[in-house]
Amino acid sequence: MFPFRIYYLISQGPNPAKSGSGLLFGIGVSKKNFNSAVDRNRIKRLTREAYRLQKQNIKQRMQEGNKCLSLFFIFTAKELPAYPAVYEKMQVILKRLILIADENSINPA
């Protein structure tokens, strides 16, 4: 989902981080696209804030299903994003991950 590439792992059982939330989150921004550390850190801050404000639904789903979700976002665009755009993309991504997690609980493979 542009401007993010998302890697995720949904697993059963207790959280490997032992934080009790069932969620692990990380973000990376390429130095190739953003030479300035200030720009890379700004993108990370915007993404973490958008995630923090919207993670409650997915956190609740993971706890109900006794699952753990590990997420890693890689920012792939070449321009600095505006916060509303990051917030909207995060909302779409998390809704899609909820659907994927629900499908995994219906059809365990």
C-alpha atoms as a PDB file:
ATOM      1  CA  MET A   1       0.000   0.000   0.000  1.00  0.00           C
ATOM      2  CA  PHE A   2       1.950   2.980  -1.281  1.00  0.00           C
ATOM      3  CA  PRO A   3       3.893   4.732   0.305  1.00  0.00           C
ATOM      4  CA  PHE A   4       4.451   1.822   2.693  1.00  0.00           C
ATOM      5  CA  ARG A   5       5.656  -1.718   2.166  1.00  0.00           C
ATOM      6  CA  ILE A   6       4.313  -3.857   5.001  1.00  0.00           C
ATOM      7  CA  TYR A   7       5.730  -7.078   6.341  1.00  0.00           C
ATOM      8  CA  TYR A   8       3.613  -8.887   8.910  1.00  0.00           C
ATOM      9  CA  LEU A   9       3.498 -12.139  10.802  1.00  0.00           C
ATOM     10  CA  ILE A  10       0.413 -13.413  12.595  1.00  0.00           C
ATOM     11  CA  SER A  11       1.085 -16.170  15.079  1.00  0.00           C
ATOM     12  CA  GLN A  12      -0.872 -18.044  17.725  1.00  0.00           C
ATOM     13  CA  GLY A  13      -0.034 -18.027  21.388  1.00  0.00           C
ATOM     14  CA  PRO A  14       1.633 -15.604  23.739  1.00  0.00           C
ATOM     15  CA  ASN A  15       3.376 -12.462  22.618  1.00  0.00           C
ATOM     16  CA  PRO A  16       7.095 -13.046  22.020  1.00  0.00           C
ATOM     17  CA  ALA A  17       7.887  -9.597  23.418  1.00  0.00           C
ATOM     18  CA  LYS A  18       6.031 -10.526  26.626  1.00  0.00           C
ATOM     19  CA  SER A  19       4.481  -7.074  26.760  1.00  0.00           C
ATOM     20  CA  GLY A  20       0.985  -8.554  26.902  1.00  0.00           C
ATOM     21  CA  SER A  21      -0.367  -6.450  24.034  1.00  0.00           C
ATOM     22  CA  GLY A  22       0.060  -9.002  21.244  1.00  0.00           C
ATOM     23  CA  LEU A  23       1.504  -6.344  18.932  1.00  0.00           C
ATOM     24  CA  LEU A  24       5.023  -5.590  17.765  1.00  0.00           C
ATOM     25  CA  PHE A  25       5.652  -2.605  15.499  1.00  0.00           C
ATOM     26  CA  GLY A  26       8.631  -1.194  13.620  1.00  0.00           C
ATOM     27  CA  ILE A  27       9.335   1.289  10.858  1.00  0.00           C
ATOM     28  CA  GLY A  28      12.237   1.860   8.509  1.00  0.00           C
ATOM     29  CA  VAL A  29      13.072   4.710   6.148  1.00  0.00           C
ATOM     30  CA  SER A  30      15.782   4.376   3.517  1.00  0.00           C
ATOM     31  CA  LYS A  31      18.842   6.592   3.719  1.00  0.00           C
ATOM     32  CA  LYS A  32      19.020   6.275  -0.062  1.00  0.00           C
ATOM     33  CA  ASN A  33      15.780   8.274  -0.455  1.00  0.00           C
ATOM     34  CA  PHE A  34      16.281  10.639   2.495  1.00  0.00           C
ATOM     35  CA  ASN A  35      19.869  11.633   3.204  1.00  0.00           C
ATOM     36  CA  SER A  36      18.878  13.883   6.086  1.00  0.00           C
ATOM     37  CA  ALA A  37      18.333  12.145   9.423  1.00  0.00           C
ATOM     38  CA  VAL A  38      15.853  14.906  10.302  1.00  0.00           C
ATOM     39  CA  ASP A  39      13.614  13.852   7.398  1.00  0.00           C
ATOM     40  CA  ARG A  40      13.898  10.147   8.219  1.00  0.00           C
ATOM     41  CA  ASN A  41      13.044  10.784  11.869  1.00  0.00           C
ATOM     42  CA  ARG A  42      10.073  12.968  10.919  1.00  0.00           C
ATOM     43  CA  ILE A  43       8.615  10.192   8.756  1.00  0.00           C
ATOM     44  CA  LYS A  44       9.091   7.716  11.602  1.00  0.00           C
ATOM     45  CA  ARG A  45       7.407  10.066  14.089  1.00  0.00           C
ATOM     46  CA  LEU A  46       4.427  10.651  11.799  1.00  0.00           C
ATOM     47  CA  THR A  47       3.995   6.932  11.188  1.00  0.00           C
ATOM     48  CA  ARG A  48       4.321   5.977  14.863  1.00  0.00           C
ATOM     49  CA  GLU A  49       1.756   8.627  15.852  1.00  0.00           C
ATOM     50  CA  ALA A  50      -0.755   7.478  13.209  1.00  0.00           C
ATOM     51  CA  TYR A  51      -0.279   3.881  14.390  1.00  0.00           C
ATOM     52  CA  ARG A  52      -0.581   4.791  18.069  1.00  0.00           C
ATOM     53  CA  LEU A  53      -3.899   6.566  17.516  1.00  0.00           C
ATOM     54  CA  GLN A  54      -5.445   3.690  15.548  1.00  0.00           C
ATOM     55  CA  LYS A  55      -4.043   0.486  17.009  1.00  0.00           C
ATOM     56  CA  GLN A  56      -6.811  -0.170  19.549  1.00  0.00           C
ATOM     57  CA  ASN A  57      -9.100  -2.109  17.180  1.00  0.00           C
ATOM     58  CA  ILE A  58      -6.397  -4.456  15.966  1.00  0.00           C
ATOM     59  CA  LYS A  59      -4.995  -4.834  19.482  1.00  0.00           C
ATOM     60  CA  GLN A  60      -8.414  -5.907  20.748  1.00  0.00           C
ATOM     61  CA  ARG A  61      -8.831  -8.427  17.900  1.00  0.00           C
ATOM     62  CA  MET A  62      -5.428  -9.965  18.568  1.00  0.00           C
ATOM     63  CA  GLN A  63      -6.158 -10.344  22.292  1.00  0.00           C
ATOM     64  CA  GLU A  64      -9.579 -11.911  21.632  1.00  0.00           C
ATOM     65  CA  GLY A  65      -8.063 -14.479  19.266  1.00  0.00           C
ATOM     66  CA  ASN A  66      -4.981 -15.102  21.445  1.00  0.00           C
ATOM     67  CA  LYS A  67      -2.771 -14.056  18.545  1.00  0.00           C
ATOM     68  CA  CYS A  68       0.384 -12.021  18.108  1.00  0.00           C
ATOM     69  CA  LEU A  69       0.881  -9.594  15.234  1.00  0.00           C
ATOM     70  CA  SER A  70       4.364  -8.439  14.269  1.00  0.00           C
ATOM     71  CA  LEU A  71       4.409  -5.508  11.836  1.00  0.00           C
ATOM     72  CA  PHE A  72       7.230  -3.779  10.029  1.00  0.00           C
ATOM     73  CA  PHE A  73       6.630  -0.789   7.763  1.00  0.00           C
ATOM     74  CA  ILE A  74       9.117   0.415   5.153  1.00  0.00           C
ATOM     75  CA  PHE A  75       8.501   3.886   3.757  1.00  0.00           C
ATOM     76  CA  THR A  76       9.097   3.740  -0.012  1.00  0.00           C
ATOM     77  CA  ALA A  77       8.101   7.196  -1.326  1.00  0.00           C
ATOM     78  CA  LYS A  78      10.693   9.791  -2.270  1.00  0.00           C
ATOM     79  CA  GLU A  79       8.924  12.879  -0.839  1.00  0.00           C
ATOM     80  CA  LEU A  80       8.079  13.835   2.713  1.00  0.00           C
ATOM     81  CA  PRO A  81       4.460  12.894   3.459  1.00  0.00           C
ATOM     82  CA  ALA A  82       1.818  15.068   5.086  1.00  0.00           C
ATOM     83  CA  TYR A  83       0.346  13.728   8.320  1.00  0.00           C
ATOM     84  CA  PRO A  84      -3.261  13.401   7.003  1.00  0.00           C
ATOM     85  CA  ALA A  85      -2.024  11.175   4.174  1.00  0.00           C
ATOM     86  CA  VAL A  86      -0.063   8.956   6.592  1.00  0.00           C
ATOM     87  CA  TYR A  87      -3.089   8.743   8.916  1.00  0.00           C
ATOM     88  CA  GLU A  88      -5.422   7.688   6.088  1.00  0.00           C
ATOM     89  CA  LYS A  89      -3.015   5.050   4.762  1.00  0.00           C
ATOM     90  CA  MET A  90      -2.500   3.656   8.257  1.00  0.00           C
ATOM     91  CA  GLN A  91      -6.271   3.389   8.676  1.00  0.00           C
ATOM     92  CA  VAL A  92      -6.602   1.420   5.417  1.00  0.00           C
ATOM     93  CA  ILE A  93      -3.653  -0.835   6.270  1.00  0.00           C
ATOM     94  CA  LEU A  94      -4.919  -1.686   9.754  1.00  0.00           C
ATOM     95  CA  LYS A  95      -8.439  -2.442   8.471  1.00  0.00           C
ATOM     96  CA  ARG A  96      -6.958  -4.795   5.883  1.00  0.00           C
ATOM     97  CA  LEU A  97      -4.814  -6.507   8.530  1.00  0.00           C
ATOM     98  CA  ILE A  98      -7.899  -7.024  10.711  1.00  0.00           C
ATOM     99  CA  LEU A  99      -9.612  -8.756   7.775  1.00  0.00           C
ATOM    100  CA  ILE A 100      -6.555 -10.922   7.167  1.00  0.00           C
ATOM    101  CA  ALA A 101      -6.362 -11.880  10.851  1.00  0.00           C
ATOM    102  CA  ASP A 102     -10.075 -12.774  10.858  1.00  0.00           C
ATOM    103  CA  GLU A 103      -9.622 -14.945   7.760  1.00  0.00           C
ATOM    104  CA  ASN A 104      -6.747 -16.770   9.452  1.00  0.00           C
ATOM    105  CA  SER A 105      -8.913 -17.556  12.455  1.00  0.00           C
ATOM    106  CA  ILE A 106     -11.718 -18.946  10.271  1.00  0.00           C
ATOM    107  CA  ASN A 107      -9.454 -21.081   8.064  1.00  0.00           C
ATOM    108  CA  PRO A 108      -6.389 -22.074  10.041  1.00  0.00           C
ATOM    109  CA  ALA A 109      -3.695 -23.404   7.763  1.00  0.00           C
END
